[in-house]
Structure formats: structure tokens, C-alpha cells
């Protein structure tokens, strides 16, 4: 949800309205993908 707000042009500082600091947002954005997230991005196998 926060990514959608930022992509829509809202400043990152608006994350505080949702209880997330801007530091926490950028920390989340720059963390490596988990194995589960990688599988979800690739879609179903088969």
C-alpha cells in the first residue's frame, strides 16, 4: 500500500500516516527479496 502511495506521487514522509517511518520504508525497499517473494514474482511453475 505504501509503495502505491509513493508511486502515485505522495512524499515518503506521508508514510507516517500509516505508522511507518521514512527510514523504515527505505530499509524495506532496499532489502533483498525473500525466497517466497522470488517464487511469487516468477509465477507458477509448469
PDB file of N, CA and C in Angstrom:
ATOM      1  N   UNK A   1       0.817  -1.182   0.000  1.00  0.00           N
ATOM      2  CA  UNK A   1       0.000   0.000   0.000  1.00  0.00           C
ATOM      3  C   UNK A   1       0.871   1.261   0.000  1.00  0.00           C
ATOM      4  N   UNK A   2       1.914   1.253   0.810  1.00  0.00           N
ATOM      5  CA  UNK A   2       2.793   2.420   0.862  1.00  0.00           C
ATOM      6  C   UNK A   2       3.469   2.629  -0.486  1.00  0.00           C
ATOM      7  N   UNK A   3       3.896   1.536  -1.132  1.00  0.00           N
ATOM      8  CA  UNK A   3       4.506   1.656  -2.456  1.00  0.00           C
ATOM      9  C   UNK A   3       3.553   2.332  -3.434  1.00  0.00           C
ATOM     10  N   UNK A   4       2.278   2.003  -3.359  1.00  0.00           N
ATOM     11  CA  UNK A   4       1.290   2.596  -4.262  1.00  0.00           C
ATOM     12  C   UNK A   4       1.162   4.094  -4.015  1.00  0.00           C
ATOM     13  N   UNK A   5       1.180   4.512  -2.755  1.00  0.00           N
ATOM     14  CA  UNK A   5       1.106   5.940  -2.448  1.00  0.00           C
ATOM     15  C   UNK A   5       2.321   6.687  -2.969  1.00  0.00           C
ATOM     16  N   UNK A   6       3.498   6.116  -2.758  1.00  0.00           N
ATOM     17  CA  UNK A   6       4.726   6.758  -3.228  1.00  0.00           C
ATOM     18  C   UNK A   6       4.742   6.806  -4.750  1.00  0.00           C
ATOM     19  N   UNK A   7       4.338   5.712  -5.399  1.00  0.00           N
ATOM     20  CA  UNK A   7       4.284   5.690  -6.865  1.00  0.00           C
ATOM     21  C   UNK A   7       3.283   6.705  -7.405  1.00  0.00           C
ATOM     22  N   UNK A   8       2.230   7.011  -6.628  1.00  0.00           N
ATOM     23  CA  UNK A   8       1.221   7.979  -7.045  1.00  0.00           C
ATOM     24  C   UNK A   8       1.681   9.419  -6.832  1.00  0.00           C
ATOM     25  N   UNK A   9       2.880   9.587  -6.256  1.00  0.00           N
ATOM     26  CA  UNK A   9       3.423  10.931  -6.102  1.00  0.00           C
ATOM     27  C   UNK A   9       3.379  11.487  -4.693  1.00  0.00           C
ATOM     28  N   UNK A  10       2.861  10.720  -3.741  1.00  0.00           N
ATOM     29  CA  UNK A  10       2.867  11.194  -2.356  1.00  0.00           C
ATOM     30  C   UNK A  10       4.288  11.129  -1.809  1.00  0.00           C
ATOM     31  N   UNK A  11       4.695  12.123  -1.030  1.00  0.00           N
ATOM     32  CA  UNK A  11       6.043  12.074  -0.458  1.00  0.00           C
ATOM     33  C   UNK A  11       6.167  10.939   0.554  1.00  0.00           C
ATOM     34  N   UNK A  12       7.377  10.442   0.690  1.00  0.00           N
ATOM     35  CA  UNK A  12       7.636   9.335   1.597  1.00  0.00           C
ATOM     36  C   UNK A  12       7.254   9.703   3.031  1.00  0.00           C
ATOM     37  N   UNK A  13       7.349  10.985   3.389  1.00  0.00           N
ATOM     38  CA  UNK A  13       7.009  11.381   4.758  1.00  0.00           C
ATOM     39  C   UNK A  13       5.549  11.094   5.084  1.00  0.00           C
ATOM     40  N   UNK A  14       4.695  10.924   4.073  1.00  0.00           N
ATOM     41  CA  UNK A  14       3.299  10.565   4.319  1.00  0.00           C
ATOM     42  C   UNK A  14       3.166   9.151   4.869  1.00  0.00           C
ATOM     43  N   UNK A  15       4.228   8.370   4.827  1.00  0.00           N
ATOM     44  CA  UNK A  15       4.214   7.024   5.401  1.00  0.00           C
ATOM     45  C   UNK A  15       3.876   7.082   6.880  1.00  0.00           C
ATOM     46  N   UNK A  16       4.211   8.183   7.535  1.00  0.00           N
ATOM     47  CA  UNK A  16       3.939   8.307   8.968  1.00  0.00           C
ATOM     48  C   UNK A  16       2.445   8.209   9.260  1.00  0.00           C
ATOM     49  N   UNK A  17       1.615   8.599   8.294  1.00  0.00           N
ATOM     50  CA  UNK A  17       0.165   8.473   8.492  1.00  0.00           C
ATOM     51  C   UNK A  17      -0.235   7.016   8.681  1.00  0.00           C
ATOM     52  N   UNK A  18       0.556   6.108   8.125  1.00  0.00           N
ATOM     53  CA  UNK A  18       0.285   4.683   8.245  1.00  0.00           C
ATOM     54  C   UNK A  18       1.143   4.028   9.323  1.00  0.00           C
ATOM     55  N   UNK A  19       1.880   4.845  10.070  1.00  0.00           N
ATOM     56  CA  UNK A  19       2.672   4.317  11.174  1.00  0.00           C
ATOM     57  C   UNK A  19       4.029   3.774  10.767  1.00  0.00           C
ATOM     58  N   UNK A  20       4.545   4.220   9.615  1.00  0.00           N
ATOM     59  CA  UNK A  20       5.843   3.752   9.133  1.00  0.00           C
ATOM     60  C   UNK A  20       6.760   4.965   8.991  1.00  0.00           C
ATOM     61  N   UNK A  21       7.974   4.861   9.535  1.00  0.00           N
ATOM     62  CA  UNK A  21       8.929   5.957   9.379  1.00  0.00           C
ATOM     63  C   UNK A  21       9.520   5.919   7.974  1.00  0.00           C
ATOM     64  N   UNK A  22      10.031   7.031   7.516  1.00  0.00           N
ATOM     65  CA  UNK A  22      10.658   7.049   6.192  1.00  0.00           C
ATOM     66  C   UNK A  22      11.891   6.151   6.197  1.00  0.00           C
ATOM     67  N   UNK A  23      12.616   6.076   7.328  1.00  0.00           N
ATOM     68  CA  UNK A  23      13.760   5.175   7.431  1.00  0.00           C
ATOM     69  C   UNK A  23      13.301   3.733   7.254  1.00  0.00           C
ATOM     70  N   UNK A  24      12.211   3.370   7.920  1.00  0.00           N
ATOM     71  CA  UNK A  24      11.683   2.013   7.797  1.00  0.00           C
ATOM     72  C   UNK A  24      11.249   1.697   6.380  1.00  0.00           C
ATOM     73  N   UNK A  25      10.658   2.673   5.698  1.00  0.00           N
ATOM     74  CA  UNK A  25      10.239   2.473   4.304  1.00  0.00           C
ATOM     75  C   UNK A  25      11.454   2.185   3.418  1.00  0.00           C
ATOM     76  N   UNK A  26      12.488   2.999   3.522  1.00  0.00           N
ATOM     77  CA  UNK A  26      13.654   2.802   2.666  1.00  0.00           C
ATOM     78  C   UNK A  26      14.406   1.528   3.035  1.00  0.00           C
ATOM     79  N   UNK A  27      14.387   1.160   4.305  1.00  0.00           N
ATOM     80  CA  UNK A  27      15.009  -0.097   4.715  1.00  0.00           C
ATOM     81  C   UNK A  27      14.265  -1.265   4.068  1.00  0.00           C
ATOM     82  N   UNK A  28      12.949  -1.197   4.047  1.00  0.00           N
ATOM     83  CA  UNK A  28      12.121  -2.226   3.403  1.00  0.00           C
ATOM     84  C   UNK A  28      12.394  -2.282   1.900  1.00  0.00           C
ATOM     85  N   UNK A  29      12.487  -1.118   1.263  1.00  0.00           N
ATOM     86  CA  UNK A  29      12.677  -1.062  -0.192  1.00  0.00           C
ATOM     87  C   UNK A  29      14.013  -1.652  -0.630  1.00  0.00           C
ATOM     88  N   UNK A  30      15.030  -1.568   0.216  1.00  0.00           N
ATOM     89  CA  UNK A  30      16.371  -1.987  -0.186  1.00  0.00           C
ATOM     90  C   UNK A  30      16.773  -3.356   0.352  1.00  0.00           C
ATOM     91  N   UNK A  31      15.840  -4.050   0.991  1.00  0.00           N
ATOM     92  CA  UNK A  31      16.177  -5.394   1.472  1.00  0.00           C
ATOM     93  C   UNK A  31      16.061  -6.389   0.322  1.00  0.00           C
ATOM     94  N   UNK A  32      16.854  -7.435   0.342  1.00  0.00           N
ATOM     95  CA  UNK A  32      16.761  -8.437  -0.725  1.00  0.00           C
ATOM     96  C   UNK A  32      15.434  -9.187  -0.643  1.00  0.00           C
ATOM     97  N   UNK A  33      14.983  -9.678  -1.789  1.00  0.00           N
ATOM     98  CA  UNK A  33      13.749 -10.443  -1.815  1.00  0.00           C
ATOM     99  C   UNK A  33      13.911 -11.767  -1.089  1.00  0.00           C
ATOM    100  N   UNK A  34      12.871 -12.154  -0.399  1.00  0.00           N
ATOM    101  CA  UNK A  34      12.881 -13.458   0.258  1.00  0.00           C
ATOM    102  C   UNK A  34      12.657 -14.534  -0.805  1.00  0.00           C
ATOM    103  N   UNK A  35      13.006 -15.780  -0.518  1.00  0.00           N
ATOM    104  CA  UNK A  35      12.755 -16.853  -1.484  1.00  0.00           C
ATOM    105  C   UNK A  35      11.280 -16.954  -1.877  1.00  0.00           C
ATOM    106  N   UNK A  36      10.381 -16.731  -0.925  1.00  0.00           N
ATOM    107  CA  UNK A  36       8.952 -16.785  -1.229  1.00  0.00           C
ATOM    108  C   UNK A  36       8.564 -15.669  -2.199  1.00  0.00           C
ATOM    109  N   UNK A  37       9.064 -14.461  -1.971  1.00  0.00           N
ATOM    110  CA  UNK A  37       8.753 -13.344  -2.867  1.00  0.00           C
ATOM    111  C   UNK A  37       9.310 -13.595  -4.266  1.00  0.00           C
ATOM    112  N   UNK A  38      10.489 -14.204  -4.358  1.00  0.00           N
ATOM    113  CA  UNK A  38      11.052 -14.527  -5.667  1.00  0.00           C
ATOM    114  C   UNK A  38      10.166 -15.507  -6.414  1.00  0.00           C
ATOM    115  N   UNK A  39       9.674 -16.530  -5.707  1.00  0.00           N
ATOM    116  CA  UNK A  39       8.793 -17.516  -6.343  1.00  0.00           C
ATOM    117  C   UNK A  39       7.508 -16.843  -6.823  1.00  0.00           C
ATOM    118  N   UNK A  40       6.984 -15.938  -6.028  1.00  0.00           N
ATOM    119  CA  UNK A  40       5.733 -15.254  -6.412  1.00  0.00           C
ATOM    120  C   UNK A  40       5.929 -14.388  -7.633  1.00  0.00           C
ATOM    121  N   UNK A  41       7.095 -13.758  -7.770  1.00  0.00           N
ATOM    122  CA  UNK A  41       7.370 -12.917  -8.933  1.00  0.00           C
ATOM    123  C   UNK A  41       7.481 -13.742 -10.210  1.00  0.00           C
ATOM    124  N   UNK A  42       8.046 -14.931 -10.089  1.00  0.00           N
ATOM    125  CA  UNK A  42       8.252 -15.780 -11.254  1.00  0.00           C
ATOM    126  C   UNK A  42       6.971 -16.435 -11.729  1.00  0.00           C
ATOM    127  N   UNK A  43       5.986 -16.511 -10.883  1.00  0.00           N
ATOM    128  CA  UNK A  43       4.724 -17.123 -11.250  1.00  0.00           C
ATOM    129  C   UNK A  43       4.750 -18.626 -11.075  1.00  0.00           C
ATOM    130  N   UNK A  44       3.644 -19.262 -11.455  1.00  0.00           N
ATOM    131  CA  UNK A  44       3.548 -20.715 -11.262  1.00  0.00           C
ATOM    132  C   UNK A  44       4.482 -21.480 -12.194  1.00  0.00           C
ATOM    133  N   UNK A  45       4.960 -22.570 -11.668  1.00  0.00           N
ATOM    134  CA  UNK A  45       5.825 -23.436 -12.484  1.00  0.00           C
ATOM    135  C   UNK A  45       4.954 -24.420 -13.246  1.00  0.00           C
ATOM    136  N   UNK A  46       5.503 -24.898 -14.339  1.00  0.00           N
ATOM    137  CA  UNK A  46       4.759 -25.946 -15.000  1.00  0.00           C
ATOM    138  C   UNK A  46       4.833 -25.903 -16.422  1.00  0.00           C
TER     139      UNK A  46
END
